[in-house]
Amino acid sequence: MSTAALGLLAGMALGFAGYFGGFWAFLLVLVLGVVGLVVGRLLEGDVDVRDWRRTRSEDRHR
């Protein structure tokens, strides 16, 4: 499935949640979508958790 099609599906899901469930449903769908995206990227290996866990001292040594 193309990125454009996935974006369309995500937008439609957020639109339906906002229309039928109100703001809080929209926000819940948005947050869960972001969590799903991050988990999916982690499982695919596109994101490395070690990049997020760098400390300030490690940043100074680079």
PDB file of N, CA and C in Angstrom:
ATOM      1  N   MET A   1       0.849  -1.167   0.000  1.00  0.00           N
ATOM      2  CA  MET A   1       0.000   0.000   0.000  1.00  0.00           C
ATOM      3  C   MET A   1       0.900   1.236   0.000  1.00  0.00           C
ATOM      4  N   SER A   2       0.554   2.203  -0.791  1.00  0.00           N
ATOM      5  CA  SER A   2       1.380   3.399  -0.911  1.00  0.00           C
ATOM      6  C   SER A   2       1.222   4.316   0.297  1.00  0.00           C
ATOM      7  N   THR A   3       2.177   5.198   0.445  1.00  0.00           N
ATOM      8  CA  THR A   3       2.144   6.159   1.547  1.00  0.00           C
ATOM      9  C   THR A   3       0.947   7.091   1.431  1.00  0.00           C
ATOM     10  N   ALA A   4       0.601   7.460   0.209  1.00  0.00           N
ATOM     11  CA  ALA A   4      -0.552   8.338   0.012  1.00  0.00           C
ATOM     12  C   ALA A   4      -1.843   7.650   0.447  1.00  0.00           C
ATOM     13  N   ALA A   5      -1.982   6.377   0.135  1.00  0.00           N
ATOM     14  CA  ALA A   5      -3.184   5.631   0.531  1.00  0.00           C
ATOM     15  C   ALA A   5      -3.256   5.484   2.046  1.00  0.00           C
ATOM     16  N   LEU A   6      -2.122   5.230   2.674  1.00  0.00           N
ATOM     17  CA  LEU A   6      -2.114   5.135   4.136  1.00  0.00           C
ATOM     18  C   LEU A   6      -2.459   6.469   4.776  1.00  0.00           C
ATOM     19  N   GLY A   7      -1.959   7.550   4.207  1.00  0.00           N
ATOM     20  CA  GLY A   7      -2.300   8.884   4.707  1.00  0.00           C
ATOM     21  C   GLY A   7      -3.779   9.188   4.557  1.00  0.00           C
ATOM     22  N   LEU A   8      -4.345   8.755   3.430  1.00  0.00           N
ATOM     23  CA  LEU A   8      -5.774   8.941   3.206  1.00  0.00           C
ATOM     24  C   LEU A   8      -6.592   8.170   4.233  1.00  0.00           C
ATOM     25  N   LEU A   9      -6.214   6.920   4.494  1.00  0.00           N
ATOM     26  CA  LEU A   9      -6.934   6.114   5.488  1.00  0.00           C
ATOM     27  C   LEU A   9      -6.809   6.717   6.889  1.00  0.00           C
ATOM     28  N   ALA A  10      -5.624   7.184   7.230  1.00  0.00           N
ATOM     29  CA  ALA A  10      -5.441   7.800   8.550  1.00  0.00           C
ATOM     30  C   ALA A  10      -6.283   9.068   8.673  1.00  0.00           C
ATOM     31  N   GLY A  11      -6.299   9.873   7.633  1.00  0.00           N
ATOM     32  CA  GLY A  11      -7.111  11.092   7.653  1.00  0.00           C
ATOM     33  C   GLY A  11      -8.598  10.795   7.758  1.00  0.00           C
ATOM     34  N   MET A  12      -9.045   9.763   7.049  1.00  0.00           N
ATOM     35  CA  MET A  12     -10.459   9.386   7.126  1.00  0.00           C
ATOM     36  C   MET A  12     -10.814   8.869   8.513  1.00  0.00           C
ATOM     37  N   ALA A  13      -9.924   8.087   9.119  1.00  0.00           N
ATOM     38  CA  ALA A  13     -10.173   7.578  10.471  1.00  0.00           C
ATOM     39  C   ALA A  13     -10.266   8.732  11.461  1.00  0.00           C
ATOM     40  N   LEU A  14      -9.363   9.698  11.347  1.00  0.00           N
ATOM     41  CA  LEU A  14      -9.415  10.858  12.243  1.00  0.00           C
ATOM     42  C   LEU A  14     -10.663  11.697  11.995  1.00  0.00           C
ATOM     43  N   GLY A  15     -11.049  11.814  10.736  1.00  0.00           N
ATOM     44  CA  GLY A  15     -12.256  12.569  10.415  1.00  0.00           C
ATOM     45  C   GLY A  15     -13.514  11.928  10.991  1.00  0.00           C
ATOM     46  N   PHE A  16     -13.632  10.612  10.824  1.00  0.00           N
ATOM     47  CA  PHE A  16     -14.784   9.916  11.395  1.00  0.00           C
ATOM     48  C   PHE A  16     -14.790   9.997  12.912  1.00  0.00           C
ATOM     49  N   ALA A  17     -13.625   9.844  13.529  1.00  0.00           N
ATOM     50  CA  ALA A  17     -13.559   9.923  14.994  1.00  0.00           C
ATOM     51  C   ALA A  17     -13.960  11.311  15.467  1.00  0.00           C
ATOM     52  N   GLY A  18     -13.500  12.334  14.776  1.00  0.00           N
ATOM     53  CA  GLY A  18     -13.850  13.701  15.167  1.00  0.00           C
ATOM     54  C   GLY A  18     -15.315  14.011  14.955  1.00  0.00           C
ATOM     55  N   TYR A  19     -15.876  13.499  13.860  1.00  0.00           N
ATOM     56  CA  TYR A  19     -17.270  13.805  13.552  1.00  0.00           C
ATOM     57  C   TYR A  19     -18.229  13.058  14.480  1.00  0.00           C
ATOM     58  N   PHE A  20     -17.996  11.769  14.660  1.00  0.00           N
ATOM     59  CA  PHE A  20     -18.933  10.954  15.433  1.00  0.00           C
ATOM     60  C   PHE A  20     -18.626  10.940  16.930  1.00  0.00           C
ATOM     61  N   GLY A  21     -17.367  11.103  17.306  1.00  0.00           N
ATOM     62  CA  GLY A  21     -17.017  10.978  18.716  1.00  0.00           C
ATOM     63  C   GLY A  21     -16.632  12.276  19.384  1.00  0.00           C
ATOM     64  N   GLY A  22     -16.419  13.308  18.618  1.00  0.00           N
ATOM     65  CA  GLY A  22     -16.030  14.590  19.199  1.00  0.00           C
ATOM     66  C   GLY A  22     -14.521  14.712  19.327  1.00  0.00           C
ATOM     67  N   PHE A  23     -14.130  15.763  20.003  1.00  0.00           N
ATOM     68  CA  PHE A  23     -12.718  16.105  20.106  1.00  0.00           C
ATOM     69  C   PHE A  23     -11.902  15.030  20.806  1.00  0.00           C
ATOM     70  N   TRP A  24     -12.425  14.474  21.908  1.00  0.00           N
ATOM     71  CA  TRP A  24     -11.644  13.499  22.680  1.00  0.00           C
ATOM     72  C   TRP A  24     -11.450  12.204  21.904  1.00  0.00           C
ATOM     73  N   ALA A  25     -12.429  11.801  21.136  1.00  0.00           N
ATOM     74  CA  ALA A  25     -12.266  10.617  20.295  1.00  0.00           C
ATOM     75  C   ALA A  25     -11.227  10.882  19.212  1.00  0.00           C
ATOM     76  N   PHE A  26     -11.267  12.082  18.627  1.00  0.00           N
ATOM     77  CA  PHE A  26     -10.272  12.471  17.641  1.00  0.00           C
ATOM     78  C   PHE A  26      -8.875  12.414  18.247  1.00  0.00           C
ATOM     79  N   LEU A  27      -8.718  12.966  19.429  1.00  0.00           N
ATOM     80  CA  LEU A  27      -7.421  12.984  20.096  1.00  0.00           C
ATOM     81  C   LEU A  27      -6.945  11.570  20.430  1.00  0.00           C
ATOM     82  N   LEU A  28      -7.854  10.712  20.889  1.00  0.00           N
ATOM     83  CA  LEU A  28      -7.500   9.330  21.205  1.00  0.00           C
ATOM     84  C   LEU A  28      -7.029   8.580  19.963  1.00  0.00           C
ATOM     85  N   VAL A  29      -7.738   8.734  18.863  1.00  0.00           N
ATOM     86  CA  VAL A  29      -7.347   8.074  17.622  1.00  0.00           C
ATOM     87  C   VAL A  29      -5.997   8.612  17.144  1.00  0.00           C
ATOM     88  N   LEU A  30      -5.774   9.891  17.277  1.00  0.00           N
ATOM     89  CA  LEU A  30      -4.505  10.490  16.876  1.00  0.00           C
ATOM     90  C   LEU A  30      -3.345   9.946  17.709  1.00  0.00           C
ATOM     91  N   VAL A  31      -3.505   9.906  19.022  1.00  0.00           N
ATOM     92  CA  VAL A  31      -2.436   9.417  19.905  1.00  0.00           C
ATOM     93  C   VAL A  31      -2.158   7.943  19.653  1.00  0.00           C
ATOM     94  N   LEU A  32      -3.202   7.141  19.524  1.00  0.00           N
ATOM     95  CA  LEU A  32      -2.999   5.710  19.268  1.00  0.00           C
ATOM     96  C   LEU A  32      -2.375   5.482  17.896  1.00  0.00           C
ATOM     97  N   GLY A  33      -2.691   6.314  16.941  1.00  0.00           N
ATOM     98  CA  GLY A  33      -2.067   6.212  15.632  1.00  0.00           C
ATOM     99  C   GLY A  33      -0.577   6.504  15.685  1.00  0.00           C
ATOM    100  N   VAL A  34      -0.199   7.506  16.448  1.00  0.00           N
ATOM    101  CA  VAL A  34       1.222   7.835  16.601  1.00  0.00           C
ATOM    102  C   VAL A  34       1.954   6.708  17.324  1.00  0.00           C
ATOM    103  N   VAL A  35       1.335   6.160  18.356  1.00  0.00           N
ATOM    104  CA  VAL A  35       1.946   5.028  19.069  1.00  0.00           C
ATOM    105  C   VAL A  35       2.121   3.841  18.123  1.00  0.00           C
ATOM    106  N   GLY A  36       1.114   3.556  17.326  1.00  0.00           N
ATOM    107  CA  GLY A  36       1.214   2.465  16.359  1.00  0.00           C
ATOM    108  C   GLY A  36       2.301   2.711  15.329  1.00  0.00           C
ATOM    109  N   LEU A  37       2.439   3.948  14.893  1.00  0.00           N
ATOM    110  CA  LEU A  37       3.487   4.296  13.939  1.00  0.00           C
ATOM    111  C   LEU A  37       4.874   4.068  14.536  1.00  0.00           C
ATOM    112  N   VAL A  38       5.077   4.506  15.758  1.00  0.00           N
ATOM    113  CA  VAL A  38       6.383   4.345  16.407  1.00  0.00           C
ATOM    114  C   VAL A  38       6.692   2.868  16.620  1.00  0.00           C
ATOM    115  N   VAL A  39       5.723   2.102  17.090  1.00  0.00           N
ATOM    116  CA  VAL A  39       5.936   0.664  17.296  1.00  0.00           C
ATOM    117  C   VAL A  39       6.228  -0.031  15.972  1.00  0.00           C
ATOM    118  N   GLY A  40       5.500   0.328  14.947  1.00  0.00           N
ATOM    119  CA  GLY A  40       5.743  -0.261  13.631  1.00  0.00           C
ATOM    120  C   GLY A  40       7.133   0.052  13.111  1.00  0.00           C
ATOM    121  N   ARG A  41       7.576   1.294  13.284  1.00  0.00           N
ATOM    122  CA  ARG A  41       8.925   1.681  12.846  1.00  0.00           C
ATOM    123  C   ARG A  41       9.990   0.943  13.651  1.00  0.00           C
ATOM    124  N   LEU A  42       9.737   0.762  14.954  1.00  0.00           N
ATOM    125  CA  LEU A  42      10.683   0.014  15.776  1.00  0.00           C
ATOM    126  C   LEU A  42      10.790  -1.434  15.318  1.00  0.00           C
ATOM    127  N   LEU A  43       9.659  -2.054  15.033  1.00  0.00           N
ATOM    128  CA  LEU A  43       9.656  -3.451  14.605  1.00  0.00           C
ATOM    129  C   LEU A  43      10.292  -3.628  13.231  1.00  0.00           C
ATOM    130  N   GLU A  44      10.156  -2.651  12.357  1.00  0.00           N
ATOM    131  CA  GLU A  44      10.760  -2.720  11.032  1.00  0.00           C
ATOM    132  C   GLU A  44      12.252  -2.415  11.073  1.00  0.00           C
ATOM    133  N   GLY A  45      12.710  -1.817  12.154  1.00  0.00           N
ATOM    134  CA  GLY A  45      14.119  -1.477  12.275  1.00  0.00           C
ATOM    135  C   GLY A  45      14.473  -0.117  11.712  1.00  0.00           C
ATOM    136  N   ASP A  46      13.484   0.699  11.404  1.00  0.00           N
ATOM    137  CA  ASP A  46      13.742   2.037  10.860  1.00  0.00           C
ATOM    138  C   ASP A  46      14.172   3.032  11.929  1.00  0.00           C
ATOM    139  N   VAL A  47      13.847   2.746  13.184  1.00  0.00           N
ATOM    140  CA  VAL A  47      14.156   3.651  14.287  1.00  0.00           C
ATOM    141  C   VAL A  47      15.019   2.889  15.281  1.00  0.00           C
ATOM    142  N   ASP A  48      16.066   3.536  15.767  1.00  0.00           N
ATOM    143  CA  ASP A  48      16.939   2.935  16.759  1.00  0.00           C
ATOM    144  C   ASP A  48      16.705   3.628  18.096  1.00  0.00           C
ATOM    145  N   VAL A  49      16.307   2.867  19.097  1.00  0.00           N
ATOM    146  CA  VAL A  49      15.981   3.421  20.410  1.00  0.00           C
ATOM    147  C   VAL A  49      17.220   4.048  21.048  1.00  0.00           C
ATOM    148  N   ARG A  50      18.392   3.524  20.736  1.00  0.00           N
ATOM    149  CA  ARG A  50      19.619   4.065  21.325  1.00  0.00           C
ATOM    150  C   ARG A  50      19.833   5.525  20.939  1.00  0.00           C
ATOM    151  N   ASP A  51      19.322   5.947  19.804  1.00  0.00           N
ATOM    152  CA  ASP A  51      19.440   7.354  19.415  1.00  0.00           C
ATOM    153  C   ASP A  51      18.653   8.266  20.347  1.00  0.00           C
ATOM    154  N   TRP A  52      17.579   7.764  20.909  1.00  0.00           N
ATOM    155  CA  TRP A  52      16.738   8.560  21.808  1.00  0.00           C
ATOM    156  C   TRP A  52      17.297   8.604  23.221  1.00  0.00           C
ATOM    157  N   ARG A  53      18.175   7.659  23.571  1.00  0.00           N
ATOM    158  CA  ARG A  53      18.626   7.520  24.945  1.00  0.00           C
ATOM    159  C   ARG A  53      20.010   8.120  25.177  1.00  0.00           C
ATOM    160  N   ARG A  54      20.509   8.892  24.256  1.00  0.00           N
ATOM    161  CA  ARG A  54      21.813   9.520  24.437  1.00  0.00           C
ATOM    162  C   ARG A  54      21.770  10.520  25.587  1.00  0.00           C
ATOM    163  N   THR A  55      22.836  10.579  26.324  1.00  0.00           N
ATOM    164  CA  THR A  55      22.915  11.547  27.411  1.00  0.00           C
ATOM    165  C   THR A  55      23.642  12.795  26.931  1.00  0.00           C
ATOM    166  N   ARG A  56      23.644  13.812  27.742  1.00  0.00           N
ATOM    167  CA  ARG A  56      24.313  15.058  27.369  1.00  0.00           C
ATOM    168  C   ARG A  56      25.819  14.853  27.222  1.00  0.00           C
ATOM    169  N   SER A  57      26.392  14.043  28.104  1.00  0.00           N
ATOM    170  CA  SER A  57      27.839  13.818  28.015  1.00  0.00           C
ATOM    171  C   SER A  57      28.205  13.108  26.713  1.00  0.00           C
ATOM    172  N   GLU A  58      27.359  12.213  26.249  1.00  0.00           N
ATOM    173  CA  GLU A  58      27.621  11.531  24.979  1.00  0.00           C
ATOM    174  C   GLU A  58      27.504  12.506  23.814  1.00  0.00           C
ATOM    175  N   ASP A  59      26.587  13.452  23.911  1.00  0.00           N
ATOM    176  CA  ASP A  59      26.428  14.451  22.847  1.00  0.00           C
ATOM    177  C   ASP A  59      27.643  15.380  22.776  1.00  0.00           C
ATOM    178  N   ARG A  60      28.249  15.684  23.917  1.00  0.00           N
ATOM    179  CA  ARG A  60      29.412  16.564  23.923  1.00  0.00           C
ATOM    180  C   ARG A  60      30.636  15.900  23.313  1.00  0.00           C
ATOM    181  N   HIS A  61      30.706  14.590  23.381  1.00  0.00           N
ATOM    182  CA  HIS A  61      31.866  13.866  22.866  1.00  0.00           C
ATOM    183  C   HIS A  61      31.779  13.608  21.380  1.00  0.00           C
ATOM    184  N   ARG A  62      30.693  13.973  20.758  1.00  0.00           N
ATOM    185  CA  ARG A  62      30.541  13.724  19.316  1.00  0.00           C
ATOM    186  C   ARG A  62      31.025  14.872  18.505  1.00  0.00           C
TER     187      ARG A  62
END
